Amino acid sequence: MPSIKTTVAAISFAGGLAAASLGFGAGLAIAQPPPCSIPQGEVPPPHAPPKPTQVWLGEPVVWTSGWGGRWGVCKNGQMLTLSSNIVTGGG
């Protein structure tokens, strides 16, 4: 005969699976890179860091003002950033 602890654990597990299948619980938050609206880039400000390289993954490295301003590559309509935010120094 199953114990009360085993029964409660099984019911809790089944309830958790049912809630997850219905979409309850924490959602997955993913930061999306800024869209690449200007594939040829923008004019970098005078205080911009030096350009890391001229070409990366076969694409030209360009400046974008998105996310505080940084160097990046326009790939498949998305900006892949290659430098830190010049305002905060963060990612």
N, C-alpha and C. Protein backbone atom coordinates (compact mmCIF):
# COMPACT_ATOMS: atom_id res chain seq x y z
N MET A 1 0.85 -1.17 0.00
CA MET A 1 0.00 0.00 0.00
C MET A 1 0.90 1.24 0.00
N PRO A 2 0.64 2.18 -0.92
CA PRO A 2 1.50 3.36 -1.00
C PRO A 2 1.31 4.28 0.21
N SER A 3 2.38 4.93 0.59
CA SER A 3 2.30 5.84 1.73
C SER A 3 1.71 7.18 1.30
N ILE A 4 1.34 7.98 2.27
CA ILE A 4 0.75 9.29 1.98
C ILE A 4 1.77 10.20 1.30
N LYS A 5 3.06 10.08 1.67
CA LYS A 5 4.09 10.91 1.04
C LYS A 5 4.23 10.59 -0.44
N THR A 6 4.20 9.32 -0.78
CA THR A 6 4.31 8.91 -2.18
C THR A 6 3.10 9.39 -2.97
N THR A 7 1.92 9.28 -2.38
CA THR A 7 0.69 9.71 -3.05
C THR A 7 0.69 11.21 -3.29
N VAL A 8 1.07 11.99 -2.28
CA VAL A 8 1.11 13.45 -2.41
C VAL A 8 2.15 13.85 -3.45
N ALA A 9 3.31 13.20 -3.45
CA ALA A 9 4.34 13.52 -4.43
C ALA A 9 3.87 13.23 -5.84
N ALA A 10 3.19 12.11 -6.03
CA ALA A 10 2.69 11.75 -7.36
C ALA A 10 1.63 12.73 -7.83
N ILE A 11 0.74 13.14 -6.94
CA ILE A 11 -0.30 14.10 -7.30
C ILE A 11 0.32 15.46 -7.62
N SER A 12 1.30 15.87 -6.84
CA SER A 12 1.98 17.15 -7.10
C SER A 12 2.68 17.13 -8.45
N PHE A 13 3.35 16.04 -8.75
CA PHE A 13 4.05 15.91 -10.03
C PHE A 13 3.07 15.96 -11.19
N ALA A 14 1.96 15.23 -11.07
CA ALA A 14 0.95 15.21 -12.13
C ALA A 14 0.33 16.59 -12.30
N GLY A 15 0.09 17.29 -11.20
CA GLY A 15 -0.46 18.65 -11.27
C GLY A 15 0.50 19.60 -11.94
N GLY A 16 1.79 19.45 -11.65
CA GLY A 16 2.80 20.29 -12.29
C GLY A 16 2.87 20.05 -13.79
N LEU A 17 2.79 18.79 -14.19
CA LEU A 17 2.78 18.47 -15.63
C LEU A 17 1.54 19.04 -16.32
N ALA A 18 0.41 18.94 -15.65
CA ALA A 18 -0.83 19.47 -16.23
C ALA A 18 -0.75 20.98 -16.36
N ALA A 19 -0.24 21.67 -15.35
CA ALA A 19 -0.11 23.12 -15.41
C ALA A 19 0.87 23.54 -16.50
N ALA A 20 1.98 22.82 -16.63
CA ALA A 20 2.95 23.15 -17.66
C ALA A 20 2.38 22.94 -19.06
N SER A 21 1.58 21.90 -19.23
CA SER A 21 0.99 21.64 -20.54
C SER A 21 -0.05 22.69 -20.92
N LEU A 22 -0.65 23.33 -19.92
CA LEU A 22 -1.63 24.38 -20.18
C LEU A 22 -0.97 25.75 -20.34
N GLY A 23 0.34 25.84 -20.15
CA GLY A 23 1.05 27.09 -20.36
C GLY A 23 1.24 27.92 -19.11
N PHE A 24 0.94 27.36 -17.94
CA PHE A 24 1.16 28.09 -16.71
C PHE A 24 2.63 28.00 -16.33
N GLY A 25 3.08 28.94 -15.53
CA GLY A 25 4.45 28.93 -15.08
C GLY A 25 5.25 30.07 -15.70
N ALA A 26 6.53 30.05 -15.45
CA ALA A 26 7.40 31.13 -15.93
C ALA A 26 7.62 31.01 -17.42
N GLY A 27 7.50 32.12 -18.09
CA GLY A 27 7.78 32.16 -19.52
C GLY A 27 9.26 32.37 -19.77
N LEU A 28 9.70 32.06 -20.95
CA LEU A 28 11.09 32.20 -21.31
C LEU A 28 11.30 33.60 -21.89
N ALA A 29 12.16 34.38 -21.26
CA ALA A 29 12.44 35.74 -21.73
C ALA A 29 13.78 35.75 -22.46
N ILE A 30 13.74 36.15 -23.71
CA ILE A 30 14.96 36.20 -24.52
C ILE A 30 15.10 37.61 -25.08
N ALA A 31 16.24 38.22 -24.85
CA ALA A 31 16.49 39.55 -25.40
C ALA A 31 16.80 39.42 -26.88
N GLN A 32 16.02 40.10 -27.68
CA GLN A 32 16.21 40.05 -29.13
C GLN A 32 17.17 41.14 -29.56
N PRO A 33 18.06 40.84 -30.49
CA PRO A 33 18.94 41.89 -30.99
C PRO A 33 18.13 42.91 -31.78
N PRO A 34 18.61 44.15 -31.86
CA PRO A 34 17.86 45.15 -32.60
C PRO A 34 17.78 44.79 -34.08
N PRO A 35 16.67 45.12 -34.74
CA PRO A 35 16.57 44.82 -36.16
C PRO A 35 17.58 45.63 -36.95
N CYS A 36 17.95 45.11 -38.07
CA CYS A 36 18.96 45.74 -38.91
C CYS A 36 18.25 46.59 -39.96
N SER A 37 17.85 47.79 -39.57
CA SER A 37 17.10 48.64 -40.49
C SER A 37 18.00 49.30 -41.52
N ILE A 38 19.26 49.54 -41.16
CA ILE A 38 20.20 50.16 -42.09
C ILE A 38 21.39 49.23 -42.25
N PRO A 39 21.37 48.29 -43.21
CA PRO A 39 22.46 47.32 -43.32
C PRO A 39 23.82 47.96 -43.59
N GLN A 40 23.85 49.16 -44.17
CA GLN A 40 25.14 49.80 -44.43
C GLN A 40 25.65 50.57 -43.21
N GLY A 41 24.86 50.62 -42.13
CA GLY A 41 25.30 51.23 -40.89
C GLY A 41 25.04 52.72 -40.83
N GLU A 42 25.43 53.31 -39.70
CA GLU A 42 25.26 54.72 -39.45
C GLU A 42 26.64 55.34 -39.24
N VAL A 43 26.68 56.66 -39.19
CA VAL A 43 27.95 57.34 -38.92
C VAL A 43 28.23 57.25 -37.43
N PRO A 44 29.38 56.69 -37.02
CA PRO A 44 29.67 56.57 -35.59
C PRO A 44 29.96 57.93 -34.97
N PRO A 45 29.60 58.10 -33.69
CA PRO A 45 29.90 59.37 -33.01
C PRO A 45 31.41 59.48 -32.74
N PRO A 46 31.87 60.69 -32.44
CA PRO A 46 33.32 60.87 -32.20
C PRO A 46 33.85 60.06 -31.01
N HIS A 47 33.01 59.76 -30.03
CA HIS A 47 33.46 59.01 -28.85
C HIS A 47 33.28 57.50 -28.99
N ALA A 48 32.99 57.03 -30.19
CA ALA A 48 32.82 55.59 -30.42
C ALA A 48 34.16 54.87 -30.27
N PRO A 49 34.12 53.62 -29.77
CA PRO A 49 35.37 52.85 -29.69
C PRO A 49 35.88 52.53 -31.09
N PRO A 50 37.15 52.17 -31.22
CA PRO A 50 37.67 51.82 -32.54
C PRO A 50 36.93 50.62 -33.14
N LYS A 51 36.84 50.60 -34.44
CA LYS A 51 36.18 49.51 -35.15
C LYS A 51 36.98 48.22 -34.93
N PRO A 52 36.33 47.14 -34.45
CA PRO A 52 37.08 45.92 -34.12
C PRO A 52 37.71 45.25 -35.34
N THR A 53 37.05 45.29 -36.47
CA THR A 53 37.55 44.69 -37.71
C THR A 53 36.73 45.24 -38.87
N GLN A 54 37.17 45.04 -40.08
CA GLN A 54 36.44 45.54 -41.24
C GLN A 54 35.34 44.57 -41.68
N VAL A 55 35.59 43.27 -41.58
CA VAL A 55 34.64 42.25 -42.04
C VAL A 55 34.56 41.15 -40.99
N TRP A 56 33.33 40.64 -40.75
CA TRP A 56 33.13 39.53 -39.82
C TRP A 56 32.05 38.64 -40.40
N LEU A 57 32.30 37.35 -40.49
CA LEU A 57 31.39 36.37 -41.09
C LEU A 57 31.01 36.76 -42.52
N GLY A 58 31.94 37.37 -43.24
CA GLY A 58 31.70 37.74 -44.62
C GLY A 58 30.87 38.99 -44.80
N GLU A 59 30.52 39.68 -43.72
CA GLU A 59 29.72 40.90 -43.78
C GLU A 59 30.52 42.07 -43.25
N PRO A 60 30.28 43.29 -43.77
CA PRO A 60 31.00 44.46 -43.25
C PRO A 60 30.55 44.82 -41.83
N VAL A 61 31.50 45.24 -41.01
CA VAL A 61 31.20 45.69 -39.65
C VAL A 61 30.73 47.14 -39.75
N VAL A 62 29.57 47.42 -39.15
CA VAL A 62 28.96 48.75 -39.23
C VAL A 62 28.58 49.25 -37.84
N TRP A 63 28.32 50.55 -37.72
CA TRP A 63 27.90 51.16 -36.47
C TRP A 63 26.38 51.21 -36.41
N THR A 64 25.81 50.92 -35.25
CA THR A 64 24.39 51.08 -35.02
C THR A 64 24.19 51.84 -33.72
N SER A 65 23.20 52.73 -33.71
CA SER A 65 22.92 53.49 -32.49
C SER A 65 22.01 52.70 -31.54
N GLY A 66 21.51 51.54 -31.97
CA GLY A 66 20.67 50.71 -31.11
C GLY A 66 21.43 50.22 -29.89
N TRP A 67 20.70 50.10 -28.77
CA TRP A 67 21.27 49.66 -27.49
C TRP A 67 22.39 50.57 -27.01
N GLY A 68 22.27 51.86 -27.26
CA GLY A 68 23.25 52.83 -26.77
C GLY A 68 24.40 53.06 -27.72
N GLY A 69 24.48 52.33 -28.82
CA GLY A 69 25.54 52.49 -29.79
C GLY A 69 26.62 51.43 -29.65
N ARG A 70 26.88 50.73 -30.75
CA ARG A 70 27.91 49.69 -30.76
C ARG A 70 28.20 49.26 -32.19
N TRP A 71 29.31 48.56 -32.34
CA TRP A 71 29.69 47.99 -33.63
C TRP A 71 29.02 46.64 -33.78
N GLY A 72 28.66 46.30 -35.02
CA GLY A 72 28.02 45.01 -35.25
C GLY A 72 27.98 44.64 -36.71
N VAL A 73 27.34 43.53 -36.99
CA VAL A 73 27.22 42.98 -38.34
C VAL A 73 25.74 42.72 -38.60
N CYS A 74 25.26 43.13 -39.77
CA CYS A 74 23.88 42.85 -40.15
C CYS A 74 23.86 41.48 -40.81
N LYS A 75 23.22 40.50 -40.16
CA LYS A 75 23.16 39.13 -40.67
C LYS A 75 21.73 38.63 -40.58
N ASN A 76 21.14 38.25 -41.70
CA ASN A 76 19.77 37.73 -41.75
C ASN A 76 18.75 38.69 -41.14
N GLY A 77 18.94 39.99 -41.38
CA GLY A 77 17.99 40.99 -40.89
C GLY A 77 18.13 41.33 -39.43
N GLN A 78 19.11 40.79 -38.72
CA GLN A 78 19.34 41.08 -37.31
C GLN A 78 20.75 41.62 -37.12
N MET A 79 20.90 42.50 -36.15
CA MET A 79 22.21 43.06 -35.85
C MET A 79 22.91 42.19 -34.81
N LEU A 80 24.04 41.63 -35.17
CA LEU A 80 24.88 40.88 -34.24
C LEU A 80 25.92 41.86 -33.71
N THR A 81 25.86 42.17 -32.43
CA THR A 81 26.75 43.18 -31.88
C THR A 81 28.13 42.60 -31.58
N LEU A 82 29.14 43.44 -31.80
CA LEU A 82 30.52 43.02 -31.58
C LEU A 82 31.23 43.85 -30.52
N SER A 83 30.58 44.88 -29.98
CA SER A 83 31.21 45.71 -28.97
C SER A 83 30.21 46.01 -27.86
N SER A 84 30.71 46.60 -26.78
CA SER A 84 29.87 46.94 -25.64
C SER A 84 29.14 48.26 -25.87
N ASN A 85 28.12 48.48 -25.06
CA ASN A 85 27.39 49.74 -25.06
C ASN A 85 28.35 50.85 -24.66
N ILE A 86 28.44 51.92 -25.48
CA ILE A 86 29.42 52.97 -25.18
C ILE A 86 28.99 53.85 -24.03
N VAL A 87 27.71 53.83 -23.67
CA VAL A 87 27.23 54.65 -22.56
C VAL A 87 27.51 53.97 -21.23
N THR A 88 27.15 52.69 -21.11
CA THR A 88 27.29 51.99 -19.83
C THR A 88 28.50 51.06 -19.80
N GLY A 89 29.07 50.74 -20.95
CA GLY A 89 30.18 49.81 -21.00
C GLY A 89 29.74 48.36 -20.83
N GLY A 90 28.44 48.14 -20.78
CA GLY A 90 27.90 46.79 -20.57
C GLY A 90 27.54 46.11 -21.85
N GLY A 91 27.01 44.88 -21.71
CA GLY A 91 26.65 44.08 -22.85
C GLY A 91 25.34 44.43 -23.36
